[in-house]
Amino acid sequence: MNEQPVILIVDDDFTARQTAEMLLLQEGYALHFAASGPEALQRLPEETRT
């Protein structure tokens, strides 16, 4: 099984999120973004929120 690695990038600075995106997309990662801790927690799968 060759699942694409997934990274959740959490940063309140838009430019920092953009920079991380540019660097990691070329490495083949699936990226998700959040601008705050609460937003990041909402993006996590239910089974990891314990």
PDB file of N, CA and C in Angstrom:
ATOM      1  N   MET A   1       0.846  -1.170   0.000  1.00  0.00           N
ATOM      2  CA  MET A   1       0.000   0.000   0.000  1.00  0.00           C
ATOM      3  C   MET A   1       0.900   1.246   0.000  1.00  0.00           C
ATOM      4  N   ASN A   2       0.771   2.081  -0.995  1.00  0.00           N
ATOM      5  CA  ASN A   2       1.584   3.282  -1.132  1.00  0.00           C
ATOM      6  C   ASN A   2       0.746   4.526  -0.902  1.00  0.00           C
ATOM      7  N   GLU A   3       0.393   4.787   0.334  1.00  0.00           N
ATOM      8  CA  GLU A   3      -0.384   5.984   0.640  1.00  0.00           C
ATOM      9  C   GLU A   3       0.519   7.205   0.633  1.00  0.00           C
ATOM     10  N   GLN A   4      -0.016   8.302   0.131  1.00  0.00           N
ATOM     11  CA  GLN A   4       0.720   9.554   0.118  1.00  0.00           C
ATOM     12  C   GLN A   4       0.784  10.099   1.543  1.00  0.00           C
ATOM     13  N   PRO A   5       1.963  10.463   2.025  1.00  0.00           N
ATOM     14  CA  PRO A   5       2.067  11.029   3.371  1.00  0.00           C
ATOM     15  C   PRO A   5       1.290  12.350   3.458  1.00  0.00           C
ATOM     16  N   VAL A   6       0.640  12.547   4.596  1.00  0.00           N
ATOM     17  CA  VAL A   6      -0.176  13.744   4.806  1.00  0.00           C
ATOM     18  C   VAL A   6       0.443  14.574   5.932  1.00  0.00           C
ATOM     19  N   ILE A   7       0.545  15.874   5.703  1.00  0.00           N
ATOM     20  CA  ILE A   7       1.086  16.794   6.705  1.00  0.00           C
ATOM     21  C   ILE A   7       0.056  17.885   6.970  1.00  0.00           C
ATOM     22  N   LEU A   8      -0.195  18.142   8.241  1.00  0.00           N
ATOM     23  CA  LEU A   8      -1.038  19.255   8.650  1.00  0.00           C
ATOM     24  C   LEU A   8      -0.123  20.388   9.093  1.00  0.00           C
ATOM     25  N   ILE A   9      -0.152  21.485   8.370  1.00  0.00           N
ATOM     26  CA  ILE A   9       0.682  22.639   8.670  1.00  0.00           C
ATOM     27  C   ILE A   9      -0.161  23.643   9.447  1.00  0.00           C
ATOM     28  N   VAL A  10       0.307  23.980  10.653  1.00  0.00           N
ATOM     29  CA  VAL A  10      -0.417  24.912  11.513  1.00  0.00           C
ATOM     30  C   VAL A  10       0.474  26.117  11.770  1.00  0.00           C
ATOM     31  N   ASP A  11       0.031  27.269  11.296  1.00  0.00           N
ATOM     32  CA  ASP A  11       0.782  28.504  11.504  1.00  0.00           C
ATOM     33  C   ASP A  11      -0.170  29.671  11.283  1.00  0.00           C
ATOM     34  N   ASP A  12      -0.099  30.662  12.139  1.00  0.00           N
ATOM     35  CA  ASP A  12      -0.984  31.811  11.976  1.00  0.00           C
ATOM     36  C   ASP A  12      -0.463  32.815  10.955  1.00  0.00           C
ATOM     37  N   ASP A  13       0.721  32.572  10.427  1.00  0.00           N
ATOM     38  CA  ASP A  13       1.312  33.461   9.434  1.00  0.00           C
ATOM     39  C   ASP A  13       1.106  32.880   8.031  1.00  0.00           C
ATOM     40  N   PHE A  14       0.353  33.602   7.206  1.00  0.00           N
ATOM     41  CA  PHE A  14       0.042  33.118   5.863  1.00  0.00           C
ATOM     42  C   PHE A  14       1.299  32.854   5.046  1.00  0.00           C
ATOM     43  N   THR A  15       2.259  33.743   5.130  1.00  0.00           N
ATOM     44  CA  THR A  15       3.495  33.593   4.357  1.00  0.00           C
ATOM     45  C   THR A  15       4.255  32.334   4.768  1.00  0.00           C
ATOM     46  N   ALA A  16       4.270  32.038   6.045  1.00  0.00           N
ATOM     47  CA  ALA A  16       4.933  30.817   6.520  1.00  0.00           C
ATOM     48  C   ALA A  16       4.232  29.575   5.973  1.00  0.00           C
ATOM     49  N   ARG A  17       2.893  29.592   5.962  1.00  0.00           N
ATOM     50  CA  ARG A  17       2.152  28.451   5.402  1.00  0.00           C
ATOM     51  C   ARG A  17       2.445  28.295   3.914  1.00  0.00           C
ATOM     52  N   GLN A  18       2.515  29.415   3.203  1.00  0.00           N
ATOM     53  CA  GLN A  18       2.813  29.383   1.777  1.00  0.00           C
ATOM     54  C   GLN A  18       4.211  28.836   1.509  1.00  0.00           C
ATOM     55  N   THR A  19       5.174  29.253   2.305  1.00  0.00           N
ATOM     56  CA  THR A  19       6.554  28.776   2.141  1.00  0.00           C
ATOM     57  C   THR A  19       6.631  27.270   2.372  1.00  0.00           C
ATOM     58  N   ALA A  20       6.000  26.802   3.438  1.00  0.00           N
ATOM     59  CA  ALA A  20       5.987  25.357   3.719  1.00  0.00           C
ATOM     60  C   ALA A  20       5.322  24.601   2.577  1.00  0.00           C
ATOM     61  N   GLU A  21       4.244  25.158   2.053  1.00  0.00           N
ATOM     62  CA  GLU A  21       3.548  24.517   0.937  1.00  0.00           C
ATOM     63  C   GLU A  21       4.469  24.381  -0.272  1.00  0.00           C
ATOM     64  N   MET A  22       5.165  25.440  -0.625  1.00  0.00           N
ATOM     65  CA  MET A  22       6.058  25.404  -1.783  1.00  0.00           C
ATOM     66  C   MET A  22       7.152  24.356  -1.617  1.00  0.00           C
ATOM     67  N   LEU A  23       7.682  24.239  -0.408  1.00  0.00           N
ATOM     68  CA  LEU A  23       8.768  23.289  -0.168  1.00  0.00           C
ATOM     69  C   LEU A  23       8.287  21.841  -0.125  1.00  0.00           C
ATOM     70  N   LEU A  24       7.128  21.614   0.485  1.00  0.00           N
ATOM     71  CA  LEU A  24       6.675  20.242   0.695  1.00  0.00           C
ATOM     72  C   LEU A  24       5.902  19.661  -0.478  1.00  0.00           C
ATOM     73  N   LEU A  25       5.216  20.480  -1.249  1.00  0.00           N
ATOM     74  CA  LEU A  25       4.481  19.955  -2.397  1.00  0.00           C
ATOM     75  C   LEU A  25       5.408  19.292  -3.401  1.00  0.00           C
ATOM     76  N   GLN A  26       6.575  19.869  -3.602  1.00  0.00           N
ATOM     77  CA  GLN A  26       7.509  19.282  -4.565  1.00  0.00           C
ATOM     78  C   GLN A  26       8.072  17.957  -4.074  1.00  0.00           C
ATOM     79  N   GLU A  27       7.901  17.647  -2.798  1.00  0.00           N
ATOM     80  CA  GLU A  27       8.357  16.371  -2.238  1.00  0.00           C
ATOM     81  C   GLU A  27       7.266  15.308  -2.273  1.00  0.00           C
ATOM     82  N   GLY A  28       6.072  15.671  -2.723  1.00  0.00           N
ATOM     83  CA  GLY A  28       5.008  14.688  -2.905  1.00  0.00           C
ATOM     84  C   GLY A  28       4.085  14.478  -1.722  1.00  0.00           C
ATOM     85  N   TYR A  29       4.087  15.385  -0.760  1.00  0.00           N
ATOM     86  CA  TYR A  29       3.201  15.265   0.396  1.00  0.00           C
ATOM     87  C   TYR A  29       1.817  15.830   0.088  1.00  0.00           C
ATOM     88  N   ALA A  30       0.805  15.253   0.697  1.00  0.00           N
ATOM     89  CA  ALA A  30      -0.535  15.843   0.682  1.00  0.00           C
ATOM     90  C   ALA A  30      -0.577  16.811   1.852  1.00  0.00           C
ATOM     91  N   LEU A  31      -0.966  18.037   1.600  1.00  0.00           N
ATOM     92  CA  LEU A  31      -0.912  19.063   2.630  1.00  0.00           C
ATOM     93  C   LEU A  31      -2.286  19.558   3.023  1.00  0.00           C
ATOM     94  N   HIS A  32      -2.436  19.801   4.308  1.00  0.00           N
ATOM     95  CA  HIS A  32      -3.627  20.433   4.862  1.00  0.00           C
ATOM     96  C   HIS A  32      -3.137  21.594   5.712  1.00  0.00           C
ATOM     97  N   PHE A  33      -3.953  22.626   5.805  1.00  0.00           N
ATOM     98  CA  PHE A  33      -3.510  23.845   6.480  1.00  0.00           C
ATOM     99  C   PHE A  33      -4.504  24.282   7.540  1.00  0.00           C
ATOM    100  N   ALA A  34      -3.973  24.913   8.573  1.00  0.00           N
ATOM    101  CA  ALA A  34      -4.785  25.526   9.619  1.00  0.00           C
ATOM    102  C   ALA A  34      -4.043  26.760  10.110  1.00  0.00           C
ATOM    103  N   ALA A  35      -4.823  27.778  10.470  1.00  0.00           N
ATOM    104  CA  ALA A  35      -4.219  29.028  10.925  1.00  0.00           C
ATOM    105  C   ALA A  35      -4.198  29.151  12.442  1.00  0.00           C
ATOM    106  N   SER A  36      -4.754  28.146  13.146  1.00  0.00           N
ATOM    107  CA  SER A  36      -4.776  28.203  14.609  1.00  0.00           C
ATOM    108  C   SER A  36      -4.871  26.791  15.178  1.00  0.00           C
ATOM    109  N   GLY A  37      -4.609  26.680  16.467  1.00  0.00           N
ATOM    110  CA  GLY A  37      -4.725  25.391  17.137  1.00  0.00           C
ATOM    111  C   GLY A  37      -6.125  24.811  17.063  1.00  0.00           C
ATOM    112  N   PRO A  38      -7.164  25.603  17.416  1.00  0.00           N
ATOM    113  CA  PRO A  38      -8.526  25.070  17.329  1.00  0.00           C
ATOM    114  C   PRO A  38      -8.897  24.617  15.903  1.00  0.00           C
ATOM    115  N   GLU A  39      -8.475  25.377  14.915  1.00  0.00           N
ATOM    116  CA  GLU A  39      -8.755  24.990  13.526  1.00  0.00           C
ATOM    117  C   GLU A  39      -8.036  23.687  13.187  1.00  0.00           C
ATOM    118  N   ALA A  40      -6.809  23.528  13.666  1.00  0.00           N
ATOM    119  CA  ALA A  40      -6.057  22.302  13.412  1.00  0.00           C
ATOM    120  C   ALA A  40      -6.753  21.101  14.042  1.00  0.00           C
ATOM    121  N   LEU A  41      -7.244  21.264  15.253  1.00  0.00           N
ATOM    122  CA  LEU A  41      -7.934  20.156  15.921  1.00  0.00           C
ATOM    123  C   LEU A  41      -9.179  19.735  15.162  1.00  0.00           C
ATOM    124  N   GLN A  42      -9.869  20.680  14.551  1.00  0.00           N
ATOM    125  CA  GLN A  42     -11.058  20.351  13.759  1.00  0.00           C
ATOM    126  C   GLN A  42     -10.692  19.540  12.517  1.00  0.00           C
ATOM    127  N   ARG A  43      -9.496  19.713  12.019  1.00  0.00           N
ATOM    128  CA  ARG A  43      -9.070  19.025  10.802  1.00  0.00           C
ATOM    129  C   ARG A  43      -8.558  17.610  11.060  1.00  0.00           C
ATOM    130  N   LEU A  44      -8.275  17.291  12.318  1.00  0.00           N
ATOM    131  CA  LEU A  44      -7.784  15.950  12.626  1.00  0.00           C
ATOM    132  C   LEU A  44      -8.910  14.930  12.518  1.00  0.00           C
ATOM    133  N   PRO A  45      -8.583  13.721  12.079  1.00  0.00           N
ATOM    134  CA  PRO A  45      -9.603  12.663  12.066  1.00  0.00           C
ATOM    135  C   PRO A  45     -10.126  12.406  13.480  1.00  0.00           C
ATOM    136  N   GLU A  46     -11.360  12.055  13.585  1.00  0.00           N
ATOM    137  CA  GLU A  46     -12.032  11.844  14.883  1.00  0.00           C
ATOM    138  C   GLU A  46     -11.244  10.895  15.789  1.00  0.00           C
ATOM    139  N   GLU A  47     -10.689   9.811  15.231  1.00  0.00           N
ATOM    140  CA  GLU A  47     -10.021   8.811  16.058  1.00  0.00           C
ATOM    141  C   GLU A  47      -8.710   9.307  16.675  1.00  0.00           C
ATOM    142  N   THR A  48      -8.178  10.416  16.199  1.00  0.00           N
ATOM    143  CA  THR A  48      -6.924  10.923  16.766  1.00  0.00           C
ATOM    144  C   THR A  48      -7.138  12.022  17.799  1.00  0.00           C
ATOM    145  N   ARG A  49      -8.376  12.369  18.092  1.00  0.00           N
ATOM    146  CA  ARG A  49      -8.670  13.493  18.995  1.00  0.00           C
ATOM    147  C   ARG A  49      -8.849  13.078  20.445  1.00  0.00           C
ATOM    148  N   THR A  50      -8.309  11.976  20.868  1.00  0.00           N
ATOM    149  CA  THR A  50      -8.515  11.542  22.257  1.00  0.00           C
ATOM    150  C   THR A  50      -7.487  12.119  23.196  1.00  0.00           C
TER     151      THR A  50
END
